[in-house]
Amino acid sequence: MPERRPRLRRAAYLTAVATSCGAFGLSLAGIANTQGKVRPNGDAAALAKKLQQRTHGPCHRPPPVQRQV
């Protein structure tokens, strides 16, 4: 049976690669399907606008305090 082990490994590897590629393809298809279906005046847009107004910049931290020397 030692000659079967490399074949099983190869088959398992190819199955894993095919599954990963399939999952990636399906996720891209799902993203492409939702393009253009989000309403600009819907709940998601309102939430995004609210979150944008709450942030203090690109790093979400308040501006640094300047020390006087």
N, C-alpha and C. Protein backbone atom coordinates (compact mmCIF):
# COMPACT_ATOMS: atom_id res chain seq x y z
N MET A 1 0.78 -1.21 0.00
CA MET A 1 0.00 0.00 0.00
C MET A 1 0.83 1.28 0.00
N PRO A 2 2.13 1.22 0.15
CA PRO A 2 2.90 2.47 0.13
C PRO A 2 2.77 3.22 -1.19
N GLU A 3 2.52 2.51 -2.29
CA GLU A 3 2.40 3.20 -3.58
C GLU A 3 1.08 3.95 -3.70
N ARG A 4 0.09 3.66 -2.87
CA ARG A 4 -1.20 4.35 -2.92
C ARG A 4 -1.16 5.70 -2.22
N ARG A 5 -0.29 5.84 -1.23
CA ARG A 5 -0.26 7.06 -0.42
C ARG A 5 0.00 8.32 -1.24
N PRO A 6 0.98 8.33 -2.17
CA PRO A 6 1.18 9.55 -2.97
C PRO A 6 -0.04 9.90 -3.83
N ARG A 7 -0.73 8.89 -4.33
CA ARG A 7 -1.92 9.15 -5.14
C ARG A 7 -3.02 9.77 -4.30
N LEU A 8 -3.21 9.27 -3.09
CA LEU A 8 -4.23 9.83 -2.21
C LEU A 8 -3.89 11.26 -1.83
N ARG A 9 -2.62 11.51 -1.55
CA ARG A 9 -2.21 12.88 -1.23
C ARG A 9 -2.46 13.82 -2.40
N ARG A 10 -2.09 13.36 -3.58
CA ARG A 10 -2.29 14.18 -4.78
C ARG A 10 -3.77 14.45 -5.02
N ALA A 11 -4.60 13.43 -4.85
CA ALA A 11 -6.04 13.59 -5.04
C ALA A 11 -6.62 14.54 -3.99
N ALA A 12 -6.16 14.40 -2.75
CA ALA A 12 -6.65 15.30 -1.69
C ALA A 12 -6.22 16.74 -1.97
N TYR A 13 -4.99 16.91 -2.43
CA TYR A 13 -4.51 18.25 -2.74
C TYR A 13 -5.32 18.87 -3.89
N LEU A 14 -5.54 18.11 -4.94
CA LEU A 14 -6.29 18.63 -6.08
C LEU A 14 -7.73 18.94 -5.68
N THR A 15 -8.31 18.12 -4.81
CA THR A 15 -9.67 18.39 -4.32
C THR A 15 -9.70 19.68 -3.52
N ALA A 16 -8.70 19.89 -2.67
CA ALA A 16 -8.64 21.12 -1.87
C ALA A 16 -8.47 22.35 -2.75
N VAL A 17 -7.61 22.25 -3.76
CA VAL A 17 -7.40 23.37 -4.67
C VAL A 17 -8.67 23.68 -5.45
N ALA A 18 -9.33 22.66 -5.96
CA ALA A 18 -10.56 22.86 -6.71
C ALA A 18 -11.65 23.47 -5.83
N THR A 19 -11.75 23.01 -4.59
CA THR A 19 -12.75 23.56 -3.68
C THR A 19 -12.46 25.02 -3.38
N SER A 20 -11.20 25.35 -3.14
CA SER A 20 -10.82 26.74 -2.86
C SER A 20 -11.13 27.64 -4.06
N CYS A 21 -10.79 27.18 -5.23
CA CYS A 21 -11.06 27.97 -6.44
C CYS A 21 -12.56 28.15 -6.65
N GLY A 22 -13.31 27.11 -6.41
CA GLY A 22 -14.76 27.20 -6.55
C GLY A 22 -15.37 28.17 -5.55
N ALA A 23 -14.91 28.12 -4.30
CA ALA A 23 -15.43 29.05 -3.29
C ALA A 23 -15.09 30.49 -3.64
N PHE A 24 -13.87 30.71 -4.11
CA PHE A 24 -13.46 32.06 -4.51
C PHE A 24 -14.32 32.55 -5.69
N GLY A 25 -14.53 31.70 -6.66
CA GLY A 25 -15.35 32.07 -7.81
C GLY A 25 -16.78 32.39 -7.42
N LEU A 26 -17.34 31.59 -6.52
CA LEU A 26 -18.71 31.85 -6.07
C LEU A 26 -18.81 33.15 -5.27
N SER A 27 -17.79 33.46 -4.48
CA SER A 27 -17.82 34.71 -3.72
C SER A 27 -17.74 35.90 -4.67
N LEU A 28 -16.91 35.80 -5.71
CA LEU A 28 -16.84 36.88 -6.69
C LEU A 28 -18.16 37.03 -7.44
N ALA A 29 -18.79 35.93 -7.75
CA ALA A 29 -20.09 35.99 -8.43
C ALA A 29 -21.14 36.64 -7.53
N GLY A 30 -21.08 36.34 -6.24
CA GLY A 30 -22.02 36.95 -5.31
C GLY A 30 -21.81 38.44 -5.20
N ILE A 31 -20.55 38.86 -5.18
CA ILE A 31 -20.26 40.29 -5.13
C ILE A 31 -20.75 40.98 -6.41
N ALA A 32 -20.52 40.35 -7.54
CA ALA A 32 -20.95 40.93 -8.81
C ALA A 32 -22.47 41.01 -8.90
N ASN A 33 -23.15 40.06 -8.29
CA ASN A 33 -24.62 40.05 -8.31
C ASN A 33 -25.22 41.21 -7.54
N THR A 34 -24.58 41.64 -6.46
CA THR A 34 -25.14 42.70 -5.64
C THR A 34 -24.78 44.09 -6.15
N GLN A 35 -23.92 44.19 -7.13
CA GLN A 35 -23.50 45.50 -7.63
C GLN A 35 -24.69 46.24 -8.21
N GLY A 36 -24.91 47.46 -7.74
CA GLY A 36 -26.01 48.28 -8.24
C GLY A 36 -27.33 48.05 -7.56
N LYS A 37 -27.40 47.14 -6.60
CA LYS A 37 -28.68 46.86 -5.94
C LYS A 37 -28.82 47.55 -4.59
N VAL A 38 -27.77 48.25 -4.16
CA VAL A 38 -27.84 48.97 -2.89
C VAL A 38 -28.41 50.35 -3.16
N ARG A 39 -29.46 50.70 -2.42
CA ARG A 39 -30.11 52.00 -2.63
C ARG A 39 -29.30 53.11 -1.95
N PRO A 40 -29.10 54.22 -2.62
CA PRO A 40 -28.32 55.31 -2.03
C PRO A 40 -29.03 56.00 -0.87
N ASN A 41 -30.34 55.80 -0.75
CA ASN A 41 -31.07 56.44 0.35
C ASN A 41 -31.60 55.39 1.34
N GLY A 42 -31.03 54.22 1.34
CA GLY A 42 -31.50 53.15 2.21
C GLY A 42 -30.83 53.16 3.58
N ASP A 43 -31.11 52.12 4.36
CA ASP A 43 -30.58 52.00 5.71
C ASP A 43 -29.06 51.88 5.72
N ALA A 44 -28.51 51.11 4.80
CA ALA A 44 -27.06 50.93 4.76
C ALA A 44 -26.35 52.24 4.45
N ALA A 45 -26.90 53.03 3.56
CA ALA A 45 -26.31 54.32 3.22
C ALA A 45 -26.38 55.27 4.41
N ALA A 46 -27.48 55.26 5.13
CA ALA A 46 -27.62 56.12 6.31
C ALA A 46 -26.62 55.72 7.39
N LEU A 47 -26.45 54.43 7.59
CA LEU A 47 -25.49 53.95 8.59
C LEU A 47 -24.06 54.33 8.20
N ALA A 48 -23.72 54.17 6.94
CA ALA A 48 -22.38 54.53 6.47
C ALA A 48 -22.13 56.02 6.64
N LYS A 49 -23.13 56.83 6.36
CA LYS A 49 -22.97 58.28 6.52
C LYS A 49 -22.77 58.65 7.98
N LYS A 50 -23.53 57.99 8.87
CA LYS A 50 -23.40 58.26 10.30
C LYS A 50 -22.01 57.87 10.80
N LEU A 51 -21.52 56.72 10.37
CA LEU A 51 -20.19 56.27 10.78
C LEU A 51 -19.10 57.19 10.24
N GLN A 52 -19.28 57.70 9.05
CA GLN A 52 -18.30 58.59 8.45
C GLN A 52 -18.22 59.90 9.23
N GLN A 53 -19.33 60.38 9.71
CA GLN A 53 -19.35 61.64 10.44
C GLN A 53 -18.73 61.50 11.82
N ARG A 54 -18.75 60.30 12.39
CA ARG A 54 -18.22 60.08 13.73
C ARG A 54 -16.71 59.95 13.75
N THR A 55 -16.07 59.62 12.66
CA THR A 55 -14.63 59.36 12.66
C THR A 55 -13.85 60.66 12.68
N HIS A 56 -12.63 60.59 13.19
CA HIS A 56 -11.78 61.77 13.31
C HIS A 56 -10.69 61.79 12.24
N GLY A 57 -10.70 60.93 11.33
CA GLY A 57 -9.67 60.89 10.29
C GLY A 57 -9.48 59.46 9.82
N PRO A 58 -8.43 59.25 9.03
CA PRO A 58 -8.24 57.92 8.46
C PRO A 58 -7.87 56.86 9.50
N CYS A 59 -7.34 57.27 10.66
CA CYS A 59 -6.93 56.26 11.63
C CYS A 59 -7.92 56.15 12.80
N HIS A 60 -9.02 56.89 12.76
CA HIS A 60 -10.08 56.83 13.77
C HIS A 60 -9.60 57.23 15.16
N ARG A 61 -8.59 58.06 15.24
CA ARG A 61 -8.11 58.55 16.53
C ARG A 61 -8.29 60.05 16.59
N PRO A 62 -8.49 60.61 17.77
CA PRO A 62 -8.58 62.07 17.85
C PRO A 62 -7.23 62.69 17.49
N PRO A 63 -7.25 63.94 17.04
CA PRO A 63 -5.99 64.57 16.66
C PRO A 63 -5.05 64.69 17.86
N PRO A 64 -3.74 64.60 17.64
CA PRO A 64 -2.79 64.66 18.75
C PRO A 64 -2.76 66.03 19.40
N VAL A 65 -2.48 66.03 20.70
CA VAL A 65 -2.39 67.28 21.45
C VAL A 65 -0.96 67.81 21.31
N GLN A 66 -0.83 69.07 20.94
CA GLN A 66 0.50 69.66 20.78
C GLN A 66 0.99 70.17 22.13
N ARG A 67 2.20 69.83 22.47
CA ARG A 67 2.80 70.28 23.73
C ARG A 67 3.58 71.57 23.49
N GLN A 68 3.52 72.45 24.45
CA GLN A 68 4.31 73.68 24.36
C GLN A 68 5.56 73.51 25.19
N VAL A 69 6.68 73.82 24.59
CA VAL A 69 7.95 73.65 25.28
C VAL A 69 8.47 74.96 25.80
